[in-house]
Every structure is written in structure tokens, then in C-alpha cells.
Amino acid sequence: MHPADWSPVCDDQMKLYNEILREFRKLDAELLGISVEGARRQAAFARDRQPHFPLRAGP
């Protein structure tokens, strides 16, 4: 879960999770980013940050 798109913490999380995604997959774990942001903002964030895992929006 990430609290807010484009916050410094979330930017760092996206970079880190992209870098270590292989480790999650070795454990047969799925990574899913969930935010309280709306769908349009979340989609823009995903296009900009290009995570290698799915992101889901809140309300």
C-alpha cells in the first residue's frame, strides 16, 4: 500500500519494489500497489512511474 501518488515516500517505494520484484516472485508472492487515490490519478501515476506490478486505486 502506498499512501499518496507523487509523494517522496511513494516514489522511493516504487523504485525499490521494481528493483526487488524478482525476490517476491521467487517466493511465489504477488506484489500489488493499493492507494487511496482516485482511479484517474492512479492511472497517471502508473504511466509516469511505470511500476512492473499492478496498481489499484481507492474510491
PDB file of N, CA and C in Angstrom:
ATOM      1  N   MET A   1       0.845  -1.175   0.000  1.00  0.00           N
ATOM      2  CA  MET A   1       0.000   0.000   0.000  1.00  0.00           C
ATOM      3  C   MET A   1       0.884   1.230   0.000  1.00  0.00           C
ATOM      4  N   HIS A   2       0.505   2.184  -0.789  1.00  0.00           N
ATOM      5  CA  HIS A   2       1.223   3.448  -0.774  1.00  0.00           C
ATOM      6  C   HIS A   2       0.217   4.563  -0.541  1.00  0.00           C
ATOM      7  N   PRO A   3       0.557   5.504   0.308  1.00  0.00           N
ATOM      8  CA  PRO A   3      -0.418   6.485   0.780  1.00  0.00           C
ATOM      9  C   PRO A   3      -0.853   7.524  -0.249  1.00  0.00           C
ATOM     10  N   ALA A   4       0.076   8.076  -0.994  1.00  0.00           N
ATOM     11  CA  ALA A   4      -0.303   9.157  -1.904  1.00  0.00           C
ATOM     12  C   ALA A   4       0.632   9.171  -3.107  1.00  0.00           C
ATOM     13  N   ASP A   5       0.038   9.181  -4.288  1.00  0.00           N
ATOM     14  CA  ASP A   5       0.838   9.247  -5.507  1.00  0.00           C
ATOM     15  C   ASP A   5       1.675  10.524  -5.518  1.00  0.00           C
ATOM     16  N   TRP A   6       2.842  10.414  -6.047  1.00  0.00           N
ATOM     17  CA  TRP A   6       3.799  11.515  -6.208  1.00  0.00           C
ATOM     18  C   TRP A   6       4.360  12.062  -4.901  1.00  0.00           C
ATOM     19  N   SER A   7       4.152  11.365  -3.811  1.00  0.00           N
ATOM     20  CA  SER A   7       4.812  11.786  -2.575  1.00  0.00           C
ATOM     21  C   SER A   7       6.230  11.209  -2.592  1.00  0.00           C
ATOM     22  N   PRO A   8       7.180  11.837  -1.903  1.00  0.00           N
ATOM     23  CA  PRO A   8       8.553  11.316  -1.903  1.00  0.00           C
ATOM     24  C   PRO A   8       8.640   9.860  -1.422  1.00  0.00           C
ATOM     25  N   VAL A   9       7.849   9.516  -0.442  1.00  0.00           N
ATOM     26  CA  VAL A   9       7.874   8.140   0.075  1.00  0.00           C
ATOM     27  C   VAL A   9       7.400   7.167  -0.999  1.00  0.00           C
ATOM     28  N   CYS A  10       6.341   7.504  -1.682  1.00  0.00           N
ATOM     29  CA  CYS A  10       5.805   6.600  -2.709  1.00  0.00           C
ATOM     30  C   CYS A  10       6.762   6.453  -3.883  1.00  0.00           C
ATOM     31  N   ASP A  11       7.405   7.535  -4.266  1.00  0.00           N
ATOM     32  CA  ASP A  11       8.396   7.443  -5.339  1.00  0.00           C
ATOM     33  C   ASP A  11       9.495   6.473  -4.955  1.00  0.00           C
ATOM     34  N   ASP A  12       9.979   6.581  -3.731  1.00  0.00           N
ATOM     35  CA  ASP A  12      11.030   5.675  -3.255  1.00  0.00           C
ATOM     36  C   ASP A  12      10.532   4.233  -3.219  1.00  0.00           C
ATOM     37  N   GLN A  13       9.295   4.045  -2.774  1.00  0.00           N
ATOM     38  CA  GLN A  13       8.732   2.690  -2.709  1.00  0.00           C
ATOM     39  C   GLN A  13       8.644   2.071  -4.101  1.00  0.00           C
ATOM     40  N   MET A  14       8.153   2.815  -5.073  1.00  0.00           N
ATOM     41  CA  MET A  14       8.006   2.282  -6.427  1.00  0.00           C
ATOM     42  C   MET A  14       9.357   1.851  -6.984  1.00  0.00           C
ATOM     43  N   LYS A  15      10.365   2.657  -6.806  1.00  0.00           N
ATOM     44  CA  LYS A  15      11.706   2.311  -7.289  1.00  0.00           C
ATOM     45  C   LYS A  15      12.211   1.046  -6.605  1.00  0.00           C
ATOM     46  N   LEU A  16      12.072   1.000  -5.293  1.00  0.00           N
ATOM     47  CA  LEU A  16      12.547  -0.160  -4.540  1.00  0.00           C
ATOM     48  C   LEU A  16      11.800  -1.424  -4.945  1.00  0.00           C
ATOM     49  N   TYR A  17      10.477  -1.360  -5.019  1.00  0.00           N
ATOM     50  CA  TYR A  17       9.698  -2.545  -5.360  1.00  0.00           C
ATOM     51  C   TYR A  17      10.010  -3.034  -6.767  1.00  0.00           C
ATOM     52  N   ASN A  18      10.219  -2.111  -7.708  1.00  0.00           N
ATOM     53  CA  ASN A  18      10.613  -2.533  -9.053  1.00  0.00           C
ATOM     54  C   ASN A  18      11.953  -3.253  -9.015  1.00  0.00           C
ATOM     55  N   GLU A  19      12.870  -2.767  -8.193  1.00  0.00           N
ATOM     56  CA  GLU A  19      14.197  -3.372  -8.103  1.00  0.00           C
ATOM     57  C   GLU A  19      14.169  -4.761  -7.474  1.00  0.00           C
ATOM     58  N   ILE A  20      13.314  -4.973  -6.492  1.00  0.00           N
ATOM     59  CA  ILE A  20      13.313  -6.254  -5.775  1.00  0.00           C
ATOM     60  C   ILE A  20      12.141  -7.158  -6.159  1.00  0.00           C
ATOM     61  N   LEU A  21      11.422  -6.822  -7.201  1.00  0.00           N
ATOM     62  CA  LEU A  21      10.259  -7.606  -7.609  1.00  0.00           C
ATOM     63  C   LEU A  21      10.630  -9.072  -7.850  1.00  0.00           C
ATOM     64  N   ARG A  22      11.793  -9.314  -8.376  1.00  0.00           N
ATOM     65  CA  ARG A  22      12.252 -10.686  -8.626  1.00  0.00           C
ATOM     66  C   ARG A  22      12.255 -11.514  -7.329  1.00  0.00           C
ATOM     67  N   GLU A  23      12.616 -10.870  -6.224  1.00  0.00           N
ATOM     68  CA  GLU A  23      12.637 -11.581  -4.935  1.00  0.00           C
ATOM     69  C   GLU A  23      11.232 -12.007  -4.509  1.00  0.00           C
ATOM     70  N   PHE A  24      10.250 -11.155  -4.748  1.00  0.00           N
ATOM     71  CA  PHE A  24       8.860 -11.521  -4.445  1.00  0.00           C
ATOM     72  C   PHE A  24       8.452 -12.722  -5.287  1.00  0.00           C
ATOM     73  N   ARG A  25       8.791 -12.680  -6.561  1.00  0.00           N
ATOM     74  CA  ARG A  25       8.390 -13.755  -7.472  1.00  0.00           C
ATOM     75  C   ARG A  25       9.065 -15.077  -7.134  1.00  0.00           C
ATOM     76  N   LYS A  26      10.295 -15.028  -6.644  1.00  0.00           N
ATOM     77  CA  LYS A  26      10.978 -16.260  -6.214  1.00  0.00           C
ATOM     78  C   LYS A  26      10.204 -16.951  -5.104  1.00  0.00           C
ATOM     79  N   LEU A  27       9.490 -16.173  -4.302  1.00  0.00           N
ATOM     80  CA  LEU A  27       8.695 -16.704  -3.201  1.00  0.00           C
ATOM     81  C   LEU A  27       7.249 -16.978  -3.605  1.00  0.00           C
ATOM     82  N   ASP A  28       6.982 -16.910  -4.909  1.00  0.00           N
ATOM     83  CA  ASP A  28       5.623 -17.075  -5.443  1.00  0.00           C
ATOM     84  C   ASP A  28       4.658 -16.068  -4.830  1.00  0.00           C
ATOM     85  N   ALA A  29       5.162 -14.881  -4.547  1.00  0.00           N
ATOM     86  CA  ALA A  29       4.334 -13.809  -3.984  1.00  0.00           C
ATOM     87  C   ALA A  29       4.015 -12.796  -5.074  1.00  0.00           C
ATOM     88  N   GLU A  30       2.844 -12.239  -5.009  1.00  0.00           N
ATOM     89  CA  GLU A  30       2.427 -11.189  -5.930  1.00  0.00           C
ATOM     90  C   GLU A  30       2.528  -9.853  -5.221  1.00  0.00           C
ATOM     91  N   LEU A  31       2.948  -8.866  -5.928  1.00  0.00           N
ATOM     92  CA  LEU A  31       3.020  -7.516  -5.386  1.00  0.00           C
ATOM     93  C   LEU A  31       1.918  -6.690  -6.036  1.00  0.00           C
ATOM     94  N   LEU A  32       1.165  -5.990  -5.221  1.00  0.00           N
ATOM     95  CA  LEU A  32       0.055  -5.173  -5.683  1.00  0.00           C
ATOM     96  C   LEU A  32       0.105  -3.855  -4.930  1.00  0.00           C
ATOM     97  N   GLY A  33       0.158  -2.750  -5.657  1.00  0.00           N
ATOM     98  CA  GLY A  33       0.154  -1.433  -5.034  1.00  0.00           C
ATOM     99  C   GLY A  33      -1.273  -0.925  -4.891  1.00  0.00           C
ATOM    100  N   ILE A  34      -1.651  -0.539  -3.694  1.00  0.00           N
ATOM    101  CA  ILE A  34      -3.002  -0.036  -3.432  1.00  0.00           C
ATOM    102  C   ILE A  34      -2.884   1.352  -2.817  1.00  0.00           C
ATOM    103  N   SER A  35      -3.646   2.283  -3.364  1.00  0.00           N
ATOM    104  CA  SER A  35      -3.593   3.662  -2.899  1.00  0.00           C
ATOM    105  C   SER A  35      -4.997   4.180  -2.623  1.00  0.00           C
ATOM    106  N   VAL A  36      -5.078   5.195  -1.805  1.00  0.00           N
ATOM    107  CA  VAL A  36      -6.361   5.849  -1.545  1.00  0.00           C
ATOM    108  C   VAL A  36      -6.701   6.857  -2.644  1.00  0.00           C
ATOM    109  N   GLU A  37      -5.782   7.049  -3.575  1.00  0.00           N
ATOM    110  CA  GLU A  37      -6.010   7.997  -4.671  1.00  0.00           C
ATOM    111  C   GLU A  37      -7.120   7.486  -5.590  1.00  0.00           C
ATOM    112  N   GLY A  38      -7.720   8.384  -6.324  1.00  0.00           N
ATOM    113  CA  GLY A  38      -8.738   8.023  -7.295  1.00  0.00           C
ATOM    114  C   GLY A  38      -8.134   7.340  -8.518  1.00  0.00           C
ATOM    115  N   ALA A  39      -8.987   6.700  -9.312  1.00  0.00           N
ATOM    116  CA  ALA A  39      -8.528   5.904 -10.450  1.00  0.00           C
ATOM    117  C   ALA A  39      -7.782   6.739 -11.492  1.00  0.00           C
ATOM    118  N   ARG A  40      -8.236   7.937 -11.796  1.00  0.00           N
ATOM    119  CA  ARG A  40      -7.572   8.754 -12.817  1.00  0.00           C
ATOM    120  C   ARG A  40      -6.175   9.168 -12.367  1.00  0.00           C
ATOM    121  N   ARG A  41      -6.064   9.578 -11.129  1.00  0.00           N
ATOM    122  CA  ARG A  41      -4.759   9.980 -10.610  1.00  0.00           C
ATOM    123  C   ARG A  41      -3.820   8.769 -10.530  1.00  0.00           C
ATOM    124  N   GLN A  42      -4.353   7.638 -10.116  1.00  0.00           N
ATOM    125  CA  GLN A  42      -3.556   6.420 -10.026  1.00  0.00           C
ATOM    126  C   GLN A  42      -3.069   5.990 -11.408  1.00  0.00           C
ATOM    127  N   ALA A  43      -3.919   6.109 -12.411  1.00  0.00           N
ATOM    128  CA  ALA A  43      -3.527   5.748 -13.779  1.00  0.00           C
ATOM    129  C   ALA A  43      -2.408   6.663 -14.282  1.00  0.00           C
ATOM    130  N   ALA A  44      -2.505   7.949 -13.999  1.00  0.00           N
ATOM    131  CA  ALA A  44      -1.458   8.889 -14.398  1.00  0.00           C
ATOM    132  C   ALA A  44      -0.144   8.572 -13.685  1.00  0.00           C
ATOM    133  N   PHE A  45      -0.233   8.233 -12.418  1.00  0.00           N
ATOM    134  CA  PHE A  45       0.948   7.870 -11.642  1.00  0.00           C
ATOM    135  C   PHE A  45       1.597   6.614 -12.233  1.00  0.00           C
ATOM    136  N   ALA A  46       0.793   5.636 -12.578  1.00  0.00           N
ATOM    137  CA  ALA A  46       1.314   4.388 -13.152  1.00  0.00           C
ATOM    138  C   ALA A  46       1.997   4.653 -14.495  1.00  0.00           C
ATOM    139  N   ARG A  47       1.393   5.498 -15.334  1.00  0.00           N
ATOM    140  CA  ARG A  47       2.018   5.833 -16.615  1.00  0.00           C
ATOM    141  C   ARG A  47       3.362   6.524 -16.406  1.00  0.00           C
ATOM    142  N   ASP A  48       3.415   7.395 -15.417  1.00  0.00           N
ATOM    143  CA  ASP A  48       4.627   8.168 -15.160  1.00  0.00           C
ATOM    144  C   ASP A  48       5.722   7.327 -14.511  1.00  0.00           C
ATOM    145  N   ARG A  49       5.376   6.505 -13.532  1.00  0.00           N
ATOM    146  CA  ARG A  49       6.375   5.764 -12.758  1.00  0.00           C
ATOM    147  C   ARG A  49       6.645   4.367 -13.305  1.00  0.00           C
ATOM    148  N   GLN A  50       5.758   3.870 -14.141  1.00  0.00           N
ATOM    149  CA  GLN A  50       5.895   2.571 -14.792  1.00  0.00           C
ATOM    150  C   GLN A  50       6.284   1.431 -13.843  1.00  0.00           C
ATOM    151  N   PRO A  51       5.464   1.172 -12.850  1.00  0.00           N
ATOM    152  CA  PRO A  51       5.763   0.035 -11.974  1.00  0.00           C
ATOM    153  C   PRO A  51       5.631  -1.267 -12.765  1.00  0.00           C
ATOM    154  N   HIS A  52       6.342  -2.288 -12.348  1.00  0.00           N
ATOM    155  CA  HIS A  52       6.312  -3.594 -13.003  1.00  0.00           C
ATOM    156  C   HIS A  52       5.358  -4.527 -12.274  1.00  0.00           C
ATOM    157  N   PHE A  53       4.389  -3.941 -11.601  1.00  0.00           N
ATOM    158  CA  PHE A  53       3.364  -4.687 -10.879  1.00  0.00           C
ATOM    159  C   PHE A  53       2.096  -3.852 -10.920  1.00  0.00           C
ATOM    160  N   PRO A  54       0.931  -4.457 -10.706  1.00  0.00           N
ATOM    161  CA  PRO A  54      -0.332  -3.724 -10.810  1.00  0.00           C
ATOM    162  C   PRO A  54      -0.533  -2.729  -9.660  1.00  0.00           C
ATOM    163  N   LEU A  55      -1.187  -1.626  -9.994  1.00  0.00           N
ATOM    164  CA  LEU A  55      -1.607  -0.643  -9.015  1.00  0.00           C
ATOM    165  C   LEU A  55      -3.130  -0.581  -9.031  1.00  0.00           C
ATOM    166  N   ARG A  56      -3.704  -0.433  -7.877  1.00  0.00           N
ATOM    167  CA  ARG A  56      -5.153  -0.307  -7.744  1.00  0.00           C
ATOM    168  C   ARG A  56      -5.472   0.972  -6.998  1.00  0.00           C
ATOM    169  N   ALA A  57      -6.567   1.588  -7.381  1.00  0.00           N
ATOM    170  CA  ALA A  57      -6.990   2.858  -6.793  1.00  0.00           C
ATOM    171  C   ALA A  57      -8.054   2.654  -5.745  1.00  0.00           C
ATOM    172  N   GLY A  58      -8.170   3.655  -4.883  1.00  0.00           N
ATOM    173  CA  GLY A  58      -9.214   3.664  -3.871  1.00  0.00           C
ATOM    174  C   GLY A  58     -10.549   4.089  -4.476  1.00  0.00           C
ATOM    175  N   PRO A  59     -11.293   4.882  -3.756  1.00  0.00           N
ATOM    176  CA  PRO A  59     -12.646   5.226  -4.185  1.00  0.00           C
ATOM    177  C   PRO A  59     -12.724   5.863  -5.497  1.00  0.00           C
TER     178      PRO A  59
END
